[in-house]
PDB file of N, CA and C in Angstrom:
ATOM      1  N   MET A   1       0.847  -1.170   0.000  1.00  0.00           N
ATOM      2  CA  MET A   1       0.000   0.000   0.000  1.00  0.00           C
ATOM      3  C   MET A   1       0.890   1.230   0.000  1.00  0.00           C
ATOM      4  N   ILE A   2       0.506   2.213  -0.811  1.00  0.00           N
ATOM      5  CA  ILE A   2       1.228   3.481  -0.849  1.00  0.00           C
ATOM      6  C   ILE A   2       0.332   4.571  -0.292  1.00  0.00           C
ATOM      7  N   ILE A   3       0.844   5.298   0.684  1.00  0.00           N
ATOM      8  CA  ILE A   3       0.184   6.498   1.188  1.00  0.00           C
ATOM      9  C   ILE A   3       0.914   7.664   0.542  1.00  0.00           C
ATOM     10  N   ASP A   4       0.237   8.385  -0.333  1.00  0.00           N
ATOM     11  CA  ASP A   4       0.852   9.464  -1.096  1.00  0.00           C
ATOM     12  C   ASP A   4       0.518  10.798  -0.445  1.00  0.00           C
ATOM     13  N   GLY A   5       1.504  11.357   0.238  1.00  0.00           N
ATOM     14  CA  GLY A   5       1.318  12.632   0.920  1.00  0.00           C
ATOM     15  C   GLY A   5       2.002  13.788   0.225  1.00  0.00           C
ATOM     16  N   ARG A   6       2.389  13.609  -1.030  1.00  0.00           N
ATOM     17  CA  ARG A   6       3.124  14.669  -1.745  1.00  0.00           C
ATOM     18  C   ARG A   6       2.313  15.933  -1.935  1.00  0.00           C
ATOM     19  N   ASP A   7       1.002  15.823  -2.026  1.00  0.00           N
ATOM     20  CA  ASP A   7       0.156  17.000  -2.242  1.00  0.00           C
ATOM     21  C   ASP A   7      -0.419  17.564  -0.950  1.00  0.00           C
ATOM     22  N   GLN A   8      -0.006  17.022   0.164  1.00  0.00           N
ATOM     23  CA  GLN A   8      -0.503  17.513   1.454  1.00  0.00           C
ATOM     24  C   GLN A   8      -0.106  18.975   1.593  1.00  0.00           C
ATOM     25  N   GLN A   9      -1.070  19.826   1.886  1.00  0.00           N
ATOM     26  CA  GLN A   9      -0.834  21.263   1.925  1.00  0.00           C
ATOM     27  C   GLN A   9      -0.162  21.745   3.203  1.00  0.00           C
ATOM     28  N   SER A  10      -0.402  21.068   4.305  1.00  0.00           N
ATOM     29  CA  SER A  10       0.198  21.502   5.560  1.00  0.00           C
ATOM     30  C   SER A  10       0.709  20.284   6.320  1.00  0.00           C
ATOM     31  N   GLU A  11       1.745  20.514   7.053  1.00  0.00           N
ATOM     32  CA  GLU A  11       2.291  19.430   7.858  1.00  0.00           C
ATOM     33  C   GLU A  11       1.425  19.227   9.090  1.00  0.00           C
ATOM     34  N   THR A  12       1.312  17.961   9.489  1.00  0.00           N
ATOM     35  CA  THR A  12       0.649  17.692  10.756  1.00  0.00           C
ATOM     36  C   THR A  12       1.632  18.035  11.868  1.00  0.00           C
ATOM     37  N   ASP A  13       1.106  18.335  13.043  1.00  0.00           N
ATOM     38  CA  ASP A  13       2.021  18.606  14.145  1.00  0.00           C
ATOM     39  C   ASP A  13       2.545  17.279  14.690  1.00  0.00           C
ATOM     40  N   THR A  14       3.466  17.357  15.594  1.00  0.00           N
ATOM     41  CA  THR A  14       4.133  16.165  16.110  1.00  0.00           C
ATOM     42  C   THR A  14       3.152  15.188  16.749  1.00  0.00           C
ATOM     43  N   ILE A  15       2.219  15.684  17.530  1.00  0.00           N
ATOM     44  CA  ILE A  15       1.243  14.812  18.200  1.00  0.00           C
ATOM     45  C   ILE A  15       0.367  14.098  17.180  1.00  0.00           C
ATOM     46  N   GLU A  16      -0.135  14.823  16.168  1.00  0.00           N
ATOM     47  CA  GLU A  16      -0.966  14.200  15.137  1.00  0.00           C
ATOM     48  C   GLU A  16      -0.187  13.141  14.362  1.00  0.00           C
ATOM     49  N   SER A  17       1.070  13.437  14.047  1.00  0.00           N
ATOM     50  CA  SER A  17       1.903  12.471  13.332  1.00  0.00           C
ATOM     51  C   SER A  17       2.121  11.224  14.177  1.00  0.00           C
ATOM     52  N   TRP A  18       2.390  11.409  15.451  1.00  0.00           N
ATOM     53  CA  TRP A  18       2.604  10.276  16.351  1.00  0.00           C
ATOM     54  C   TRP A  18       1.332   9.431  16.448  1.00  0.00           C
ATOM     55  N   GLN A  19       0.174  10.092  16.579  1.00  0.00           N
ATOM     56  CA  GLN A  19      -1.085   9.360  16.688  1.00  0.00           C
ATOM     57  C   GLN A  19      -1.375   8.558  15.423  1.00  0.00           C
ATOM     58  N   PHE A  20      -1.149   9.156  14.258  1.00  0.00           N
ATOM     59  CA  PHE A  20      -1.397   8.449  13.011  1.00  0.00           C
ATOM     60  C   PHE A  20      -0.427   7.275  12.873  1.00  0.00           C
ATOM     61  N   GLY A  21       0.852   7.513  13.161  1.00  0.00           N
ATOM     62  CA  GLY A  21       1.842   6.438  13.089  1.00  0.00           C
ATOM     63  C   GLY A  21       1.519   5.296  14.032  1.00  0.00           C
ATOM     64  N   SER A  22       0.988   5.618  15.193  1.00  0.00           N
ATOM     65  CA  SER A  22       0.600   4.589  16.165  1.00  0.00           C
ATOM     66  C   SER A  22      -0.560   3.743  15.655  1.00  0.00           C
ATOM     67  N   ALA A  23      -1.422   4.343  14.838  1.00  0.00           N
ATOM     68  CA  ALA A  23      -2.597   3.637  14.329  1.00  0.00           C
ATOM     69  C   ALA A  23      -2.285   2.771  13.104  1.00  0.00           C
ATOM     70  N   VAL A  24      -1.204   3.045  12.412  1.00  0.00           N
ATOM     71  CA  VAL A  24      -0.892   2.329  11.163  1.00  0.00           C
ATOM     72  C   VAL A  24      -0.806   0.813  11.348  1.00  0.00           C
ATOM     73  N   PRO A  25      -0.078   0.291  12.347  1.00  0.00           N
ATOM     74  CA  PRO A  25       0.032  -1.167  12.453  1.00  0.00           C
ATOM     75  C   PRO A  25      -1.318  -1.875  12.599  1.00  0.00           C
ATOM     76  N   GLU A  26      -2.231  -1.282  13.311  1.00  0.00           N
ATOM     77  CA  GLU A  26      -3.553  -1.895  13.486  1.00  0.00           C
ATOM     78  C   GLU A  26      -4.414  -1.695  12.242  1.00  0.00           C
ATOM     79  N   ALA A  27      -4.397  -0.486  11.697  1.00  0.00           N
ATOM     80  CA  ALA A  27      -5.250  -0.176  10.544  1.00  0.00           C
ATOM     81  C   ALA A  27      -4.819  -0.913   9.286  1.00  0.00           C
ATOM     82  N   PHE A  28      -3.520  -1.145   9.136  1.00  0.00           N
ATOM     83  CA  PHE A  28      -2.994  -1.780   7.931  1.00  0.00           C
ATOM     84  C   PHE A  28      -2.292  -3.089   8.265  1.00  0.00           C
ATOM     85  N   ARG A  29      -2.867  -3.822   9.200  1.00  0.00           N
ATOM     86  CA  ARG A  29      -2.287  -5.088   9.651  1.00  0.00           C
ATOM     87  C   ARG A  29      -2.001  -6.007   8.467  1.00  0.00           C
ATOM     88  N   GLY A  30      -0.771  -6.505   8.412  1.00  0.00           N
ATOM     89  CA  GLY A  30      -0.382  -7.449   7.378  1.00  0.00           C
ATOM     90  C   GLY A  30      -0.004  -6.823   6.048  1.00  0.00           C
ATOM     91  N   LEU A  31      -0.104  -5.499   5.940  1.00  0.00           N
ATOM     92  CA  LEU A  31       0.252  -4.821   4.702  1.00  0.00           C
ATOM     93  C   LEU A  31       1.603  -4.128   4.831  1.00  0.00           C
ATOM     94  N   CYS A  32       2.328  -4.074   3.745  1.00  0.00           N
ATOM     95  CA  CYS A  32       3.531  -3.254   3.679  1.00  0.00           C
ATOM     96  C   CYS A  32       3.082  -1.862   3.258  1.00  0.00           C
ATOM     97  N   VAL A  33       3.574  -0.848   3.966  1.00  0.00           N
ATOM     98  CA  VAL A  33       3.118   0.512   3.725  1.00  0.00           C
ATOM     99  C   VAL A  33       4.301   1.387   3.329  1.00  0.00           C
ATOM    100  N   ALA A  34       4.194   1.987   2.141  1.00  0.00           N
ATOM    101  CA  ALA A  34       5.176   2.966   1.681  1.00  0.00           C
ATOM    102  C   ALA A  34       4.540   4.347   1.806  1.00  0.00           C
ATOM    103  N   VAL A  35       5.209   5.246   2.515  1.00  0.00           N
ATOM    104  CA  VAL A  35       4.714   6.609   2.693  1.00  0.00           C
ATOM    105  C   VAL A  35       5.550   7.517   1.792  1.00  0.00           C
ATOM    106  N   VAL A  36       4.890   8.162   0.831  1.00  0.00           N
ATOM    107  CA  VAL A  36       5.585   9.063  -0.097  1.00  0.00           C
ATOM    108  C   VAL A  36       5.268  10.491   0.321  1.00  0.00           C
ATOM    109  N   HIS A  37       6.310  11.307   0.465  1.00  0.00           N
ATOM    110  CA  HIS A  37       6.116  12.681   0.929  1.00  0.00           C
ATOM    111  C   HIS A  37       7.095  13.619   0.248  1.00  0.00           C
ATOM    112  N   ARG A  38       6.825  14.909   0.358  1.00  0.00           N
ATOM    113  CA  ARG A  38       7.756  15.919  -0.143  1.00  0.00           C
ATOM    114  C   ARG A  38       9.011  15.877   0.720  1.00  0.00           C
ATOM    115  N   ALA A  39      10.136  16.202   0.134  1.00  0.00           N
ATOM    116  CA  ALA A  39      11.401  16.175   0.872  1.00  0.00           C
ATOM    117  C   ALA A  39      11.390  17.137   2.060  1.00  0.00           C
ATOM    118  N   ASP A  40      10.646  18.216   1.957  1.00  0.00           N
ATOM    119  CA  ASP A  40      10.622  19.202   3.044  1.00  0.00           C
ATOM    120  C   ASP A  40       9.572  18.897   4.112  1.00  0.00           C
ATOM    121  N   ASP A  41       8.813  17.837   3.951  1.00  0.00           N
ATOM    122  CA  ASP A  41       7.759  17.488   4.907  1.00  0.00           C
ATOM    123  C   ASP A  41       8.250  16.388   5.841  1.00  0.00           C
ATOM    124  N   LYS A  42       8.643  16.767   7.015  1.00  0.00           N
ATOM    125  CA  LYS A  42       9.201  15.814   7.980  1.00  0.00           C
ATOM    126  C   LYS A  42       8.133  15.076   8.775  1.00  0.00           C
ATOM    127  N   SER A  43       6.882  15.542   8.729  1.00  0.00           N
ATOM    128  CA  SER A  43       5.831  14.909   9.526  1.00  0.00           C
ATOM    129  C   SER A  43       5.557  13.479   9.068  1.00  0.00           C
ATOM    130  N   LEU A  44       5.601  13.218   7.756  1.00  0.00           N
ATOM    131  CA  LEU A  44       5.331  11.870   7.278  1.00  0.00           C
ATOM    132  C   LEU A  44       6.478  10.915   7.580  1.00  0.00           C
ATOM    133  N   ALA A  45       7.688  11.444   7.658  1.00  0.00           N
ATOM    134  CA  ALA A  45       8.811  10.605   8.070  1.00  0.00           C
ATOM    135  C   ALA A  45       8.632  10.168   9.527  1.00  0.00           C
ATOM    136  N   LEU A  46       8.078  11.032  10.374  1.00  0.00           N
ATOM    137  CA  LEU A  46       7.809  10.664  11.765  1.00  0.00           C
ATOM    138  C   LEU A  46       6.739   9.574  11.823  1.00  0.00           C
ATOM    139  N   ILE A  47       5.726   9.680  10.981  1.00  0.00           N
ATOM    140  CA  ILE A  47       4.701   8.637  10.927  1.00  0.00           C
ATOM    141  C   ILE A  47       5.340   7.296  10.623  1.00  0.00           C
ATOM    142  N   GLU A  48       6.258   7.266   9.653  1.00  0.00           N
ATOM    143  CA  GLU A  48       6.965   6.028   9.315  1.00  0.00           C
ATOM    144  C   GLU A  48       7.704   5.461  10.516  1.00  0.00           C
ATOM    145  N   THR A  49       8.444   6.304  11.206  1.00  0.00           N
ATOM    146  CA  THR A  49       9.240   5.850  12.348  1.00  0.00           C
ATOM    147  C   THR A  49       8.366   5.262  13.446  1.00  0.00           C
ATOM    148  N   VAL A  50       7.290   5.952  13.778  1.00  0.00           N
ATOM    149  CA  VAL A  50       6.404   5.481  14.840  1.00  0.00           C
ATOM    150  C   VAL A  50       5.744   4.159  14.431  1.00  0.00           C
ATOM    151  N   ALA A  51       5.265   4.076  13.194  1.00  0.00           N
ATOM    152  CA  ALA A  51       4.622   2.844  12.721  1.00  0.00           C
ATOM    153  C   ALA A  51       5.618   1.688  12.715  1.00  0.00           C
ATOM    154  N   PHE A  52       6.826   1.929  12.244  1.00  0.00           N
ATOM    155  CA  PHE A  52       7.860   0.894  12.215  1.00  0.00           C
ATOM    156  C   PHE A  52       8.178   0.404  13.628  1.00  0.00           C
ATOM    157  N   ASN A  53       8.302   1.333  14.554  1.00  0.00           N
ATOM    158  CA  ASN A  53       8.618   0.974  15.939  1.00  0.00           C
ATOM    159  C   ASN A  53       7.514   0.164  16.605  1.00  0.00           C
ATOM    160  N   ARG A  54       6.318   0.199  16.027  1.00  0.00           N
ATOM    161  CA  ARG A  54       5.199  -0.583  16.559  1.00  0.00           C
ATOM    162  C   ARG A  54       4.931  -1.842  15.745  1.00  0.00           C
ATOM    163  N   GLY A  55       5.891  -2.209  14.896  1.00  0.00           N
ATOM    164  CA  GLY A  55       5.823  -3.489  14.210  1.00  0.00           C
ATOM    165  C   GLY A  55       5.295  -3.471  12.793  1.00  0.00           C
ATOM    166  N   SER A  56       5.040  -2.302  12.244  1.00  0.00           N
ATOM    167  CA  SER A  56       4.538  -2.221  10.879  1.00  0.00           C
ATOM    168  C   SER A  56       5.709  -2.277   9.886  1.00  0.00           C
ATOM    169  N   THR A  57       5.497  -2.925   8.750  1.00  0.00           N
ATOM    170  CA  THR A  57       6.490  -2.906   7.675  1.00  0.00           C
ATOM    171  C   THR A  57       6.225  -1.636   6.892  1.00  0.00           C
ATOM    172  N   THR A  58       6.953  -0.587   7.252  1.00  0.00           N
ATOM    173  CA  THR A  58       6.708   0.752   6.746  1.00  0.00           C
ATOM    174  C   THR A  58       8.028   1.413   6.382  1.00  0.00           C
ATOM    175  N   ARG A  59       8.008   2.160   5.285  1.00  0.00           N
ATOM    176  CA  ARG A  59       9.198   2.915   4.885  1.00  0.00           C
ATOM    177  C   ARG A  59       8.741   4.184   4.191  1.00  0.00           C
ATOM    178  N   SER A  60       9.482   5.285   4.373  1.00  0.00           N
ATOM    179  CA  SER A  60       9.095   6.539   3.732  1.00  0.00           C
ATOM    180  C   SER A  60      10.013   6.829   2.544  1.00  0.00           C
ATOM    181  N   PHE A  61       9.433   7.517   1.562  1.00  0.00           N
ATOM    182  CA  PHE A  61      10.119   7.849   0.316  1.00  0.00           C
ATOM    183  C   PHE A  61       9.734   9.254  -0.113  1.00  0.00           C
ATOM    184  N   THR A  62      10.597   9.866  -0.923  1.00  0.00           N
ATOM    185  CA  THR A  62      10.242  11.117  -1.578  1.00  0.00           C
ATOM    186  C   THR A  62       9.970  10.884  -3.063  1.00  0.00           C
ATOM    187  N   ASP A  63      10.219   9.673  -3.544  1.00  0.00           N
ATOM    188  CA  ASP A  63      10.019   9.322  -4.954  1.00  0.00           C
ATOM    189  C   ASP A  63       9.004   8.182  -5.057  1.00  0.00           C
ATOM    190  N   PHE A  64       7.910   8.435  -5.786  1.00  0.00           N
ATOM    191  CA  PHE A  64       6.842   7.444  -5.909  1.00  0.00           C
ATOM    192  C   PHE A  64       7.339   6.145  -6.525  1.00  0.00           C
ATOM    193  N   ASP A  65       8.157   6.250  -7.579  1.00  0.00           N
ATOM    194  CA  ASP A  65       8.654   5.047  -8.250  1.00  0.00           C
ATOM    195  C   ASP A  65       9.537   4.207  -7.337  1.00  0.00           C
ATOM    196  N   GLU A  66      10.323   4.854  -6.495  1.00  0.00           N
ATOM    197  CA  GLU A  66      11.144   4.115  -5.530  1.00  0.00           C
ATOM    198  C   GLU A  66      10.259   3.379  -4.516  1.00  0.00           C
ATOM    199  N   ALA A  67       9.177   4.003  -4.105  1.00  0.00           N
ATOM    200  CA  ALA A  67       8.230   3.349  -3.186  1.00  0.00           C
ATOM    201  C   ALA A  67       7.629   2.114  -3.842  1.00  0.00           C
ATOM    202  N   ARG A  68       7.249   2.250  -5.093  1.00  0.00           N
ATOM    203  CA  ARG A  68       6.667   1.124  -5.827  1.00  0.00           C
ATOM    204  C   ARG A  68       7.690  -0.011  -5.956  1.00  0.00           C
ATOM    205  N   LYS A  69       8.934   0.321  -6.269  1.00  0.00           N
ATOM    206  CA  LYS A  69       9.982  -0.705  -6.396  1.00  0.00           C
ATOM    207  C   LYS A  69      10.171  -1.446  -5.075  1.00  0.00           C
ATOM    208  N   TRP A  70      10.174  -0.718  -3.962  1.00  0.00           N
ATOM    209  CA  TRP A  70      10.345  -1.338  -2.646  1.00  0.00           C
ATOM    210  C   TRP A  70       9.218  -2.324  -2.369  1.00  0.00           C
ATOM    211  N   LEU A  71       7.984  -1.911  -2.651  1.00  0.00           N
ATOM    212  CA  LEU A  71       6.850  -2.812  -2.436  1.00  0.00           C
ATOM    213  C   LEU A  71       6.953  -4.038  -3.337  1.00  0.00           C
ATOM    214  N   ASP A  72       7.353  -3.838  -4.585  1.00  0.00           N
ATOM    215  CA  ASP A  72       7.502  -4.966  -5.501  1.00  0.00           C
ATOM    216  C   ASP A  72       8.570  -5.942  -5.007  1.00  0.00           C
ATOM    217  N   LEU A  73       9.667  -5.419  -4.437  1.00  0.00           N
ATOM    218  CA  LEU A  73      10.730  -6.276  -3.908  1.00  0.00           C
ATOM    219  C   LEU A  73      10.246  -7.131  -2.735  1.00  0.00           C
ATOM    220  N   LEU A  74       9.281  -6.616  -1.999  1.00  0.00           N
ATOM    221  CA  LEU A  74       8.769  -7.357  -0.844  1.00  0.00           C
ATOM    222  C   LEU A  74       7.847  -8.493  -1.255  1.00  0.00           C
ATOM    223  N   GLY A  75       7.487  -8.538  -2.539  1.00  0.00           N
ATOM    224  CA  GLY A  75       6.733  -9.674  -3.048  1.00  0.00           C
ATOM    225  C   GLY A  75       5.232  -9.591  -2.919  1.00  0.00           C
ATOM    226  N   GLY A  76       4.710  -8.445  -2.590  1.00  0.00           N
ATOM    227  CA  GLY A  76       3.259  -8.301  -2.498  1.00  0.00           C
ATOM    228  C   GLY A  76       2.653  -8.069  -3.865  1.00  0.00           C
ATOM    229  N   PRO A  77       1.368  -7.785  -3.892  1.00  0.00           N
ATOM    230  CA  PRO A  77       0.736  -7.473  -5.175  1.00  0.00           C
ATOM    231  C   PRO A  77       1.342  -6.204  -5.744  1.00  0.00           C
ATOM    232  N   PRO A  78       1.363  -6.051  -7.073  1.00  0.00           N
ATOM    233  CA  PRO A  78       1.961  -4.853  -7.681  1.00  0.00           C
ATOM    234  C   PRO A  78       1.295  -3.591  -7.172  1.00  0.00           C
ATOM    235  N   ALA A  79       2.118  -2.588  -6.877  1.00  0.00           N
ATOM    236  CA  ALA A  79       1.593  -1.303  -6.412  1.00  0.00           C
ATOM    237  C   ALA A  79       1.115  -0.516  -7.632  1.00  0.00           C
ATOM    238  N   SER A  80       0.013   0.194  -7.488  1.00  0.00           N
ATOM    239  CA  SER A  80      -0.502   1.002  -8.587  1.00  0.00           C
ATOM    240  C   SER A  80      -0.630   2.437  -8.115  1.00  0.00           C
ATOM    241  N   GLU A  81      -0.704   3.346  -9.085  1.00  0.00           N
ATOM    242  CA  GLU A  81      -0.861   4.759  -8.748  1.00  0.00           C
ATOM    243  C   GLU A  81      -2.278   5.054  -8.330  1.00  0.00           C
TER     244      GLU A  81
END
C-alpha cells in the first residue's frame, strides 16, 4: 500500500503524526506501507518511524517510483498509482 502525501498542503504537528503512526500497524495489519512525501515534509517521516517501531512494515520515500519498487521487492501485489 502506498500512502501518497506529496500534495498535502500543511504538515501535521508532532502529536498528530505520532497518533497516526501509532494507528498504522492496526489499521494496515499485514500490509507493507510505503509513505511518499515531499522532501521538506518531515511529519510523514515521523509517521513512518512510529509505525515501524510498533511493528509495521513501513518505509518513507520522496520518490513514488522508488516506493513502488520497494513494495515490488517485498513480493506483495503490484503497487498502482
